[in-house]
């Protein structure tokens, strides 16, 4: 007995839709974190999404770059604090070998300097790890579509910093003040700036450069005065703008 044409067409339609869903390319994700339990948790969570596929993992910055070059993922979830390299530097290196990858900085750290360096390095999103899972999934989909996402906890601070840079630049133009250049800083100043941009505290910087925390504070005040800024965020922002770090 022949199948009625209307029913046959409906069945074919369902089959076409199903086939289309199966052949649609999922978002290929790589997870980079030095904690295995976090990588495992993220993988299990994203595996439940029909439009996402975790294609790789890495536990170090160097490994992340190798994985990115080999797999060319659509999205990389990247922890800011890794044992060998910090997140912004990893982001820069990943985009050098996989320029189409959308990097999402996923971290517990709110240091403004690290946020700014991440954005300058090319990160598409900066998200704090206490984000709800639904929001993280929406972020992955959003950056895959070409959008940028900044966690609300830090968005206002970054905007204020950028606005402050613009105001200071205009002020220098009016008053004829020159911007700080690398030759204006000592080797110690430059080293302190690099550690500051990684989000280290004065005490942590002091341990790295073998000086007292009080001396670090003095150096930062001097650098801030030269930039005509006060906050640590503004110092990092100005140094980035000037190409010093």
C-alpha atoms as a PDB file:
ATOM      1  CA  UNK A   1       0.000   0.000   0.000  1.00  0.00           C
ATOM      2  CA  UNK A   2       1.383   3.381  -0.948  1.00  0.00           C
ATOM      3  CA  UNK A   3       2.027   6.033   1.658  1.00  0.00           C
ATOM      4  CA  UNK A   4      -0.134   9.157   1.236  1.00  0.00           C
ATOM      5  CA  UNK A   5       1.927  11.942  -0.306  1.00  0.00           C
ATOM      6  CA  UNK A   6       1.106  14.432   2.497  1.00  0.00           C
ATOM      7  CA  UNK A   7       2.350  12.043   5.181  1.00  0.00           C
ATOM      8  CA  UNK A   8       5.406  11.152   3.075  1.00  0.00           C
ATOM      9  CA  UNK A   9       6.264  14.855   2.681  1.00  0.00           C
ATOM     10  CA  UNK A  10       5.884  15.465   6.424  1.00  0.00           C
ATOM     11  CA  UNK A  11       8.137  12.520   7.198  1.00  0.00           C
ATOM     12  CA  UNK A  12      10.737  13.773   4.716  1.00  0.00           C
ATOM     13  CA  UNK A  13      10.537  17.204   6.273  1.00  0.00           C
ATOM     14  CA  UNK A  14      11.243  15.803   9.718  1.00  0.00           C
ATOM     15  CA  UNK A  15      14.125  13.828   8.345  1.00  0.00           C
ATOM     16  CA  UNK A  16      15.583  16.918   6.618  1.00  0.00           C
ATOM     17  CA  UNK A  17      15.328  18.962   9.826  1.00  0.00           C
ATOM     18  CA  UNK A  18      16.961  16.204  11.847  1.00  0.00           C
ATOM     19  CA  UNK A  19      19.751  15.821   9.299  1.00  0.00           C
ATOM     20  CA  UNK A  20      20.305  19.577   9.298  1.00  0.00           C
ATOM     21  CA  UNK A  21      20.645  19.592  13.084  1.00  0.00           C
ATOM     22  CA  UNK A  22      23.117  16.737  12.937  1.00  0.00           C
ATOM     23  CA  UNK A  23      25.273  18.331  10.249  1.00  0.00           C
ATOM     24  CA  UNK A  24      25.290  21.878  11.708  1.00  0.00           C
ATOM     25  CA  UNK A  25      28.827  22.657  12.851  1.00  0.00           C
ATOM     26  CA  UNK A  26      29.035  23.007  16.652  1.00  0.00           C
ATOM     27  CA  UNK A  27      31.167  25.661  18.319  1.00  0.00           C
ATOM     28  CA  UNK A  28      34.581  24.065  18.803  1.00  0.00           C
ATOM     29  CA  UNK A  29      35.869  24.943  22.271  1.00  0.00           C
ATOM     30  CA  UNK A  30      39.252  24.517  23.964  1.00  0.00           C
ATOM     31  CA  UNK A  31      39.534  24.809  27.765  1.00  0.00           C
ATOM     32  CA  UNK A  32      42.765  26.107  29.319  1.00  0.00           C
ATOM     33  CA  UNK A  33      43.151  25.885  33.104  1.00  0.00           C
ATOM     34  CA  UNK A  34      45.843  24.450  35.346  1.00  0.00           C
ATOM     35  CA  UNK A  35      43.224  22.838  37.620  1.00  0.00           C
ATOM     36  CA  UNK A  36      42.028  19.487  36.290  1.00  0.00           C
ATOM     37  CA  UNK A  37      38.777  19.620  38.243  1.00  0.00           C
ATOM     38  CA  UNK A  38      37.825  22.931  36.577  1.00  0.00           C
ATOM     39  CA  UNK A  39      38.627  21.594  33.112  1.00  0.00           C
ATOM     40  CA  UNK A  40      36.575  18.482  33.829  1.00  0.00           C
ATOM     41  CA  UNK A  41      33.635  20.483  35.173  1.00  0.00           C
ATOM     42  CA  UNK A  42      33.567  22.827  32.188  1.00  0.00           C
ATOM     43  CA  UNK A  43      33.861  19.941  29.744  1.00  0.00           C
ATOM     44  CA  UNK A  44      30.951  18.085  31.373  1.00  0.00           C
ATOM     45  CA  UNK A  45      28.836  21.244  31.373  1.00  0.00           C
ATOM     46  CA  UNK A  46      29.481  22.212  27.756  1.00  0.00           C
ATOM     47  CA  UNK A  47      29.076  18.612  26.559  1.00  0.00           C
ATOM     48  CA  UNK A  48      25.357  18.919  27.337  1.00  0.00           C
ATOM     49  CA  UNK A  49      24.978  21.681  24.731  1.00  0.00           C
ATOM     50  CA  UNK A  50      24.016  20.491  21.260  1.00  0.00           C
ATOM     51  CA  UNK A  51      25.789  23.408  19.604  1.00  0.00           C
ATOM     52  CA  UNK A  52      29.110  23.064  21.470  1.00  0.00           C
ATOM     53  CA  UNK A  53      31.948  20.573  21.248  1.00  0.00           C
ATOM     54  CA  UNK A  54      34.970  20.617  23.570  1.00  0.00           C
ATOM     55  CA  UNK A  55      37.740  19.571  21.176  1.00  0.00           C
ATOM     56  CA  UNK A  56      40.752  20.039  23.431  1.00  0.00           C
ATOM     57  CA  UNK A  57      42.225  21.014  26.783  1.00  0.00           C
ATOM     58  CA  UNK A  58      45.482  22.500  28.042  1.00  0.00           C
ATOM     59  CA  UNK A  59      46.928  23.063  31.497  1.00  0.00           C
ATOM     60  CA  UNK A  60      49.696  25.535  30.631  1.00  0.00           C
ATOM     61  CA  UNK A  61      50.207  28.545  28.409  1.00  0.00           C
ATOM     62  CA  UNK A  62      52.710  26.830  26.142  1.00  0.00           C
ATOM     63  CA  UNK A  63      50.397  23.854  25.715  1.00  0.00           C
ATOM     64  CA  UNK A  64      47.487  26.199  24.971  1.00  0.00           C
ATOM     65  CA  UNK A  65      49.405  27.758  22.075  1.00  0.00           C
ATOM     66  CA  UNK A  66      50.272  24.335  20.636  1.00  0.00           C
ATOM     67  CA  UNK A  67      46.665  23.129  20.938  1.00  0.00           C
ATOM     68  CA  UNK A  68      45.342  26.324  19.351  1.00  0.00           C
ATOM     69  CA  UNK A  69      47.724  26.033  16.415  1.00  0.00           C
ATOM     70  CA  UNK A  70      46.832  22.381  15.850  1.00  0.00           C
ATOM     71  CA  UNK A  71      43.056  22.541  16.347  1.00  0.00           C
ATOM     72  CA  UNK A  72      42.203  26.134  15.322  1.00  0.00           C
ATOM     73  CA  UNK A  73      39.228  26.237  17.745  1.00  0.00           C
ATOM     74  CA  UNK A  74      36.341  28.649  17.467  1.00  0.00           C
ATOM     75  CA  UNK A  75      36.504  29.636  21.141  1.00  0.00           C
ATOM     76  CA  UNK A  76      39.121  29.264  23.869  1.00  0.00           C
ATOM     77  CA  UNK A  77      38.253  29.545  27.570  1.00  0.00           C
ATOM     78  CA  UNK A  78      41.506  30.791  29.072  1.00  0.00           C
ATOM     79  CA  UNK A  79      42.435  31.120  32.737  1.00  0.00           C
ATOM     80  CA  UNK A  80      44.386  34.304  33.531  1.00  0.00           C
ATOM     81  CA  UNK A  81      46.774  32.717  36.040  1.00  0.00           C
ATOM     82  CA  UNK A  82      48.809  29.823  34.672  1.00  0.00           C
ATOM     83  CA  UNK A  83      52.084  28.424  35.972  1.00  0.00           C
ATOM     84  CA  UNK A  84      54.265  29.288  32.982  1.00  0.00           C
ATOM     85  CA  UNK A  85      52.654  32.342  31.327  1.00  0.00           C
ATOM     86  CA  UNK A  86      49.962  34.805  32.298  1.00  0.00           C
ATOM     87  CA  UNK A  87      46.681  34.899  30.399  1.00  0.00           C
ATOM     88  CA  UNK A  88      47.201  38.083  28.363  1.00  0.00           C
ATOM     89  CA  UNK A  89      50.504  36.798  26.992  1.00  0.00           C
ATOM     90  CA  UNK A  90      48.942  33.423  26.187  1.00  0.00           C
ATOM     91  CA  UNK A  91      46.089  35.230  24.437  1.00  0.00           C
ATOM     92  CA  UNK A  92      48.546  37.200  22.308  1.00  0.00           C
ATOM     93  CA  UNK A  93      50.441  34.053  21.312  1.00  0.00           C
ATOM     94  CA  UNK A  94      47.280  32.062  20.619  1.00  0.00           C
ATOM     95  CA  UNK A  95      45.925  34.726  18.274  1.00  0.00           C
ATOM     96  CA  UNK A  96      49.259  34.814  16.463  1.00  0.00           C
ATOM     97  CA  UNK A  97      48.815  31.142  15.468  1.00  0.00           C
ATOM     98  CA  UNK A  98      44.992  30.954  15.470  1.00  0.00           C
ATOM     99  CA  UNK A  99      43.705  34.432  14.585  1.00  0.00           C
ATOM    100  CA  UNK A 100      40.097  33.301  14.119  1.00  0.00           C
ATOM    101  CA  UNK A 101      39.843  31.984  17.691  1.00  0.00           C
ATOM    102  CA  UNK A 102      37.689  34.034  20.076  1.00  0.00           C
ATOM    103  CA  UNK A 103      39.478  34.074  23.443  1.00  0.00           C
ATOM    104  CA  UNK A 104      37.367  34.269  26.605  1.00  0.00           C
ATOM    105  CA  UNK A 105      39.363  35.124  29.726  1.00  0.00           C
ATOM    106  CA  UNK A 106      37.725  33.106  32.518  1.00  0.00           C
ATOM    107  CA  UNK A 107      39.235  33.923  35.897  1.00  0.00           C
ATOM    108  CA  UNK A 108      38.863  34.725  39.579  1.00  0.00           C
ATOM    109  CA  UNK A 109      41.090  37.806  39.301  1.00  0.00           C
ATOM    110  CA  UNK A 110      39.698  41.307  39.055  1.00  0.00           C
ATOM    111  CA  UNK A 111      42.959  43.263  38.785  1.00  0.00           C
ATOM    112  CA  UNK A 112      42.322  46.111  36.375  1.00  0.00           C
ATOM    113  CA  UNK A 113      45.778  45.939  34.852  1.00  0.00           C
ATOM    114  CA  UNK A 114      45.267  42.321  33.828  1.00  0.00           C
ATOM    115  CA  UNK A 115      41.855  43.162  32.366  1.00  0.00           C
ATOM    116  CA  UNK A 116      43.321  45.949  30.243  1.00  0.00           C
ATOM    117  CA  UNK A 117      46.232  43.824  29.070  1.00  0.00           C
ATOM    118  CA  UNK A 118      43.817  41.030  28.129  1.00  0.00           C
ATOM    119  CA  UNK A 119      41.720  43.375  26.030  1.00  0.00           C
ATOM    120  CA  UNK A 120      44.791  44.882  24.378  1.00  0.00           C
ATOM    121  CA  UNK A 121      46.034  41.333  23.634  1.00  0.00           C
ATOM    122  CA  UNK A 122      42.822  40.691  21.719  1.00  0.00           C
ATOM    123  CA  UNK A 123      40.548  38.832  24.158  1.00  0.00           C
ATOM    124  CA  UNK A 124      36.893  38.943  23.123  1.00  0.00           C
ATOM    125  CA  UNK A 125      35.543  38.531  26.646  1.00  0.00           C
ATOM    126  CA  UNK A 126      36.609  38.794  30.284  1.00  0.00           C
ATOM    127  CA  UNK A 127      34.402  36.783  32.639  1.00  0.00           C
ATOM    128  CA  UNK A 128      34.668  36.112  36.370  1.00  0.00           C
ATOM    129  CA  UNK A 129      34.477  32.452  37.411  1.00  0.00           C
ATOM    130  CA  UNK A 130      31.444  32.956  39.641  1.00  0.00           C
ATOM    131  CA  UNK A 131      29.412  33.581  36.479  1.00  0.00           C
ATOM    132  CA  UNK A 132      26.256  31.507  36.140  1.00  0.00           C
ATOM    133  CA  UNK A 133      26.643  28.600  33.735  1.00  0.00           C
ATOM    134  CA  UNK A 134      23.847  29.876  31.526  1.00  0.00           C
ATOM    135  CA  UNK A 135      25.594  33.219  31.185  1.00  0.00           C
ATOM    136  CA  UNK A 136      28.907  31.532  30.335  1.00  0.00           C
ATOM    137  CA  UNK A 137      27.215  29.558  27.562  1.00  0.00           C
ATOM    138  CA  UNK A 138      25.625  32.748  26.224  1.00  0.00           C
ATOM    139  CA  UNK A 139      29.071  34.391  26.276  1.00  0.00           C
ATOM    140  CA  UNK A 140      30.569  31.546  24.249  1.00  0.00           C
ATOM    141  CA  UNK A 141      27.817  31.858  21.659  1.00  0.00           C
ATOM    142  CA  UNK A 142      28.124  35.640  21.622  1.00  0.00           C
ATOM    143  CA  UNK A 143      31.890  35.772  20.998  1.00  0.00           C
ATOM    144  CA  UNK A 144      31.506  33.073  18.363  1.00  0.00           C
ATOM    145  CA  UNK A 145      29.161  35.456  16.538  1.00  0.00           C
ATOM    146  CA  UNK A 146      31.820  38.161  16.719  1.00  0.00           C
ATOM    147  CA  UNK A 147      30.644  40.133  19.744  1.00  0.00           C
ATOM    148  CA  UNK A 148      32.692  41.239  22.762  1.00  0.00           C
ATOM    149  CA  UNK A 149      31.598  40.601  26.357  1.00  0.00           C
ATOM    150  CA  UNK A 150      32.824  42.254  29.550  1.00  0.00           C
ATOM    151  CA  UNK A 151      31.681  41.062  32.964  1.00  0.00           C
ATOM    152  CA  UNK A 152      29.470  43.737  34.585  1.00  0.00           C
ATOM    153  CA  UNK A 153      31.667  43.635  37.708  1.00  0.00           C
ATOM    154  CA  UNK A 154      34.565  45.163  35.806  1.00  0.00           C
ATOM    155  CA  UNK A 155      32.929  46.952  32.878  1.00  0.00           C
ATOM    156  CA  UNK A 156      32.411  50.240  34.719  1.00  0.00           C
ATOM    157  CA  UNK A 157      36.007  50.276  35.958  1.00  0.00           C
ATOM    158  CA  UNK A 158      37.432  49.709  32.475  1.00  0.00           C
ATOM    159  CA  UNK A 159      35.155  52.357  30.974  1.00  0.00           C
ATOM    160  CA  UNK A 160      36.224  54.838  33.660  1.00  0.00           C
ATOM    161  CA  UNK A 161      39.875  54.074  32.979  1.00  0.00           C
ATOM    162  CA  UNK A 162      39.487  54.573  29.223  1.00  0.00           C
ATOM    163  CA  UNK A 163      37.578  57.801  29.788  1.00  0.00           C
ATOM    164  CA  UNK A 164      40.325  58.975  32.115  1.00  0.00           C
ATOM    165  CA  UNK A 165      42.946  58.316  29.448  1.00  0.00           C
ATOM    166  CA  UNK A 166      41.001  60.437  26.975  1.00  0.00           C
ATOM    167  CA  UNK A 167      40.699  63.331  29.405  1.00  0.00           C
ATOM    168  CA  UNK A 168      44.378  63.231  30.261  1.00  0.00           C
ATOM    169  CA  UNK A 169      45.369  63.111  26.594  1.00  0.00           C
ATOM    170  CA  UNK A 170      43.278  66.191  25.872  1.00  0.00           C
ATOM    171  CA  UNK A 171      44.768  67.921  28.904  1.00  0.00           C
ATOM    172  CA  UNK A 172      48.282  67.258  27.709  1.00  0.00           C
ATOM    173  CA  UNK A 173      47.468  68.674  24.313  1.00  0.00           C
ATOM    174  CA  UNK A 174      46.201  71.895  25.846  1.00  0.00           C
ATOM    175  CA  UNK A 175      49.039  72.291  28.303  1.00  0.00           C
ATOM    176  CA  UNK A 176      51.753  70.976  26.011  1.00  0.00           C
ATOM    177  CA  UNK A 177      52.852  68.189  28.363  1.00  0.00           C
ATOM    178  CA  UNK A 178      54.733  65.296  26.811  1.00  0.00           C
ATOM    179  CA  UNK A 179      53.868  61.634  27.320  1.00  0.00           C
ATOM    180  CA  UNK A 180      56.165  59.337  29.270  1.00  0.00           C
ATOM    181  CA  UNK A 181      58.673  57.419  27.157  1.00  0.00           C
ATOM    182  CA  UNK A 182      60.725  54.294  27.944  1.00  0.00           C
ATOM    183  CA  UNK A 183      63.863  56.432  28.248  1.00  0.00           C
ATOM    184  CA  UNK A 184      62.259  58.315  31.140  1.00  0.00           C
ATOM    185  CA  UNK A 185      62.144  55.163  33.268  1.00  0.00           C
ATOM    186  CA  UNK A 186      64.852  53.186  34.976  1.00  0.00           C
ATOM    187  CA  UNK A 187      65.242  49.456  34.403  1.00  0.00           C
ATOM    188  CA  UNK A 188      63.712  48.925  37.846  1.00  0.00           C
ATOM    189  CA  UNK A 189      60.711  51.091  36.930  1.00  0.00           C
ATOM    190  CA  UNK A 190      60.121  49.071  33.769  1.00  0.00           C
ATOM    191  CA  UNK A 191      60.402  45.798  35.672  1.00  0.00           C
ATOM    192  CA  UNK A 192      57.951  47.006  38.301  1.00  0.00           C
ATOM    193  CA  UNK A 193      55.523  48.082  35.568  1.00  0.00           C
ATOM    194  CA  UNK A 194      55.622  44.638  33.974  1.00  0.00           C
ATOM    195  CA  UNK A 195      54.851  42.969  37.309  1.00  0.00           C
ATOM    196  CA  UNK A 196      52.120  45.521  38.017  1.00  0.00           C
ATOM    197  CA  UNK A 197      50.486  44.717  34.681  1.00  0.00           C
ATOM    198  CA  UNK A 198      50.320  41.055  35.731  1.00  0.00           C
ATOM    199  CA  UNK A 199      48.111  42.075  38.655  1.00  0.00           C
ATOM    200  CA  UNK A 200      50.697  41.571  41.407  1.00  0.00           C
ATOM    201  CA  UNK A 201      50.417  43.434  44.703  1.00  0.00           C
ATOM    202  CA  UNK A 202      53.211  45.718  45.988  1.00  0.00           C
ATOM    203  CA  UNK A 203      54.326  42.960  48.345  1.00  0.00           C
ATOM    204  CA  UNK A 204      54.462  40.409  45.521  1.00  0.00           C
ATOM    205  CA  UNK A 205      56.333  42.811  43.252  1.00  0.00           C
ATOM    206  CA  UNK A 206      58.785  43.538  46.078  1.00  0.00           C
ATOM    207  CA  UNK A 207      59.572  39.832  46.398  1.00  0.00           C
ATOM    208  CA  UNK A 208      60.156  39.559  42.639  1.00  0.00           C
ATOM    209  CA  UNK A 209      62.547  42.505  42.371  1.00  0.00           C
ATOM    210  CA  UNK A 210      64.159  42.116  45.807  1.00  0.00           C
ATOM    211  CA  UNK A 211      63.063  45.469  47.184  1.00  0.00           C
ATOM    212  CA  UNK A 212      60.800  46.486  50.046  1.00  0.00           C
ATOM    213  CA  UNK A 213      57.085  47.044  49.541  1.00  0.00           C
ATOM    214  CA  UNK A 214      57.614  50.650  50.648  1.00  0.00           C
ATOM    215  CA  UNK A 215      60.191  51.158  47.894  1.00  0.00           C
ATOM    216  CA  UNK A 216      57.788  49.701  45.338  1.00  0.00           C
ATOM    217  CA  UNK A 217      55.167  52.174  46.517  1.00  0.00           C
ATOM    218  CA  UNK A 218      57.644  55.042  46.022  1.00  0.00           C
ATOM    219  CA  UNK A 219      58.471  53.860  42.496  1.00  0.00           C
ATOM    220  CA  UNK A 220      54.793  53.635  41.568  1.00  0.00           C
ATOM    221  CA  UNK A 221      54.112  57.106  42.925  1.00  0.00           C
ATOM    222  CA  UNK A 222      56.971  58.447  40.801  1.00  0.00           C
ATOM    223  CA  UNK A 223      55.706  56.656  37.704  1.00  0.00           C
ATOM    224  CA  UNK A 224      52.155  57.820  38.391  1.00  0.00           C
ATOM    225  CA  UNK A 225      53.334  61.417  38.725  1.00  0.00           C
ATOM    226  CA  UNK A 226      55.199  61.174  35.414  1.00  0.00           C
ATOM    227  CA  UNK A 227      52.015  59.870  33.760  1.00  0.00           C
ATOM    228  CA  UNK A 228      49.883  62.415  35.621  1.00  0.00           C
ATOM    229  CA  UNK A 229      47.718  59.624  37.061  1.00  0.00           C
ATOM    230  CA  UNK A 230      47.130  58.179  40.504  1.00  0.00           C
ATOM    231  CA  UNK A 231      45.610  54.702  40.410  1.00  0.00           C
ATOM    232  CA  UNK A 232      47.364  51.451  39.541  1.00  0.00           C
ATOM    233  CA  UNK A 233      44.839  50.851  36.751  1.00  0.00           C
ATOM    234  CA  UNK A 234      45.601  54.206  35.168  1.00  0.00           C
ATOM    235  CA  UNK A 235      49.352  53.586  35.380  1.00  0.00           C
ATOM    236  CA  UNK A 236      48.992  50.283  33.498  1.00  0.00           C
ATOM    237  CA  UNK A 237      46.606  51.839  30.975  1.00  0.00           C
ATOM    238  CA  UNK A 238      49.030  54.699  30.256  1.00  0.00           C
ATOM    239  CA  UNK A 239      51.992  52.327  29.971  1.00  0.00           C
ATOM    240  CA  UNK A 240      50.068  50.187  27.503  1.00  0.00           C
ATOM    241  CA  UNK A 241      49.048  53.228  25.489  1.00  0.00           C
ATOM    242  CA  UNK A 242      52.652  54.430  25.356  1.00  0.00           C
ATOM    243  CA  UNK A 243      53.878  50.984  24.281  1.00  0.00           C
ATOM    244  CA  UNK A 244      56.127  50.618  27.323  1.00  0.00           C
ATOM    245  CA  UNK A 245      54.652  47.261  28.369  1.00  0.00           C
END
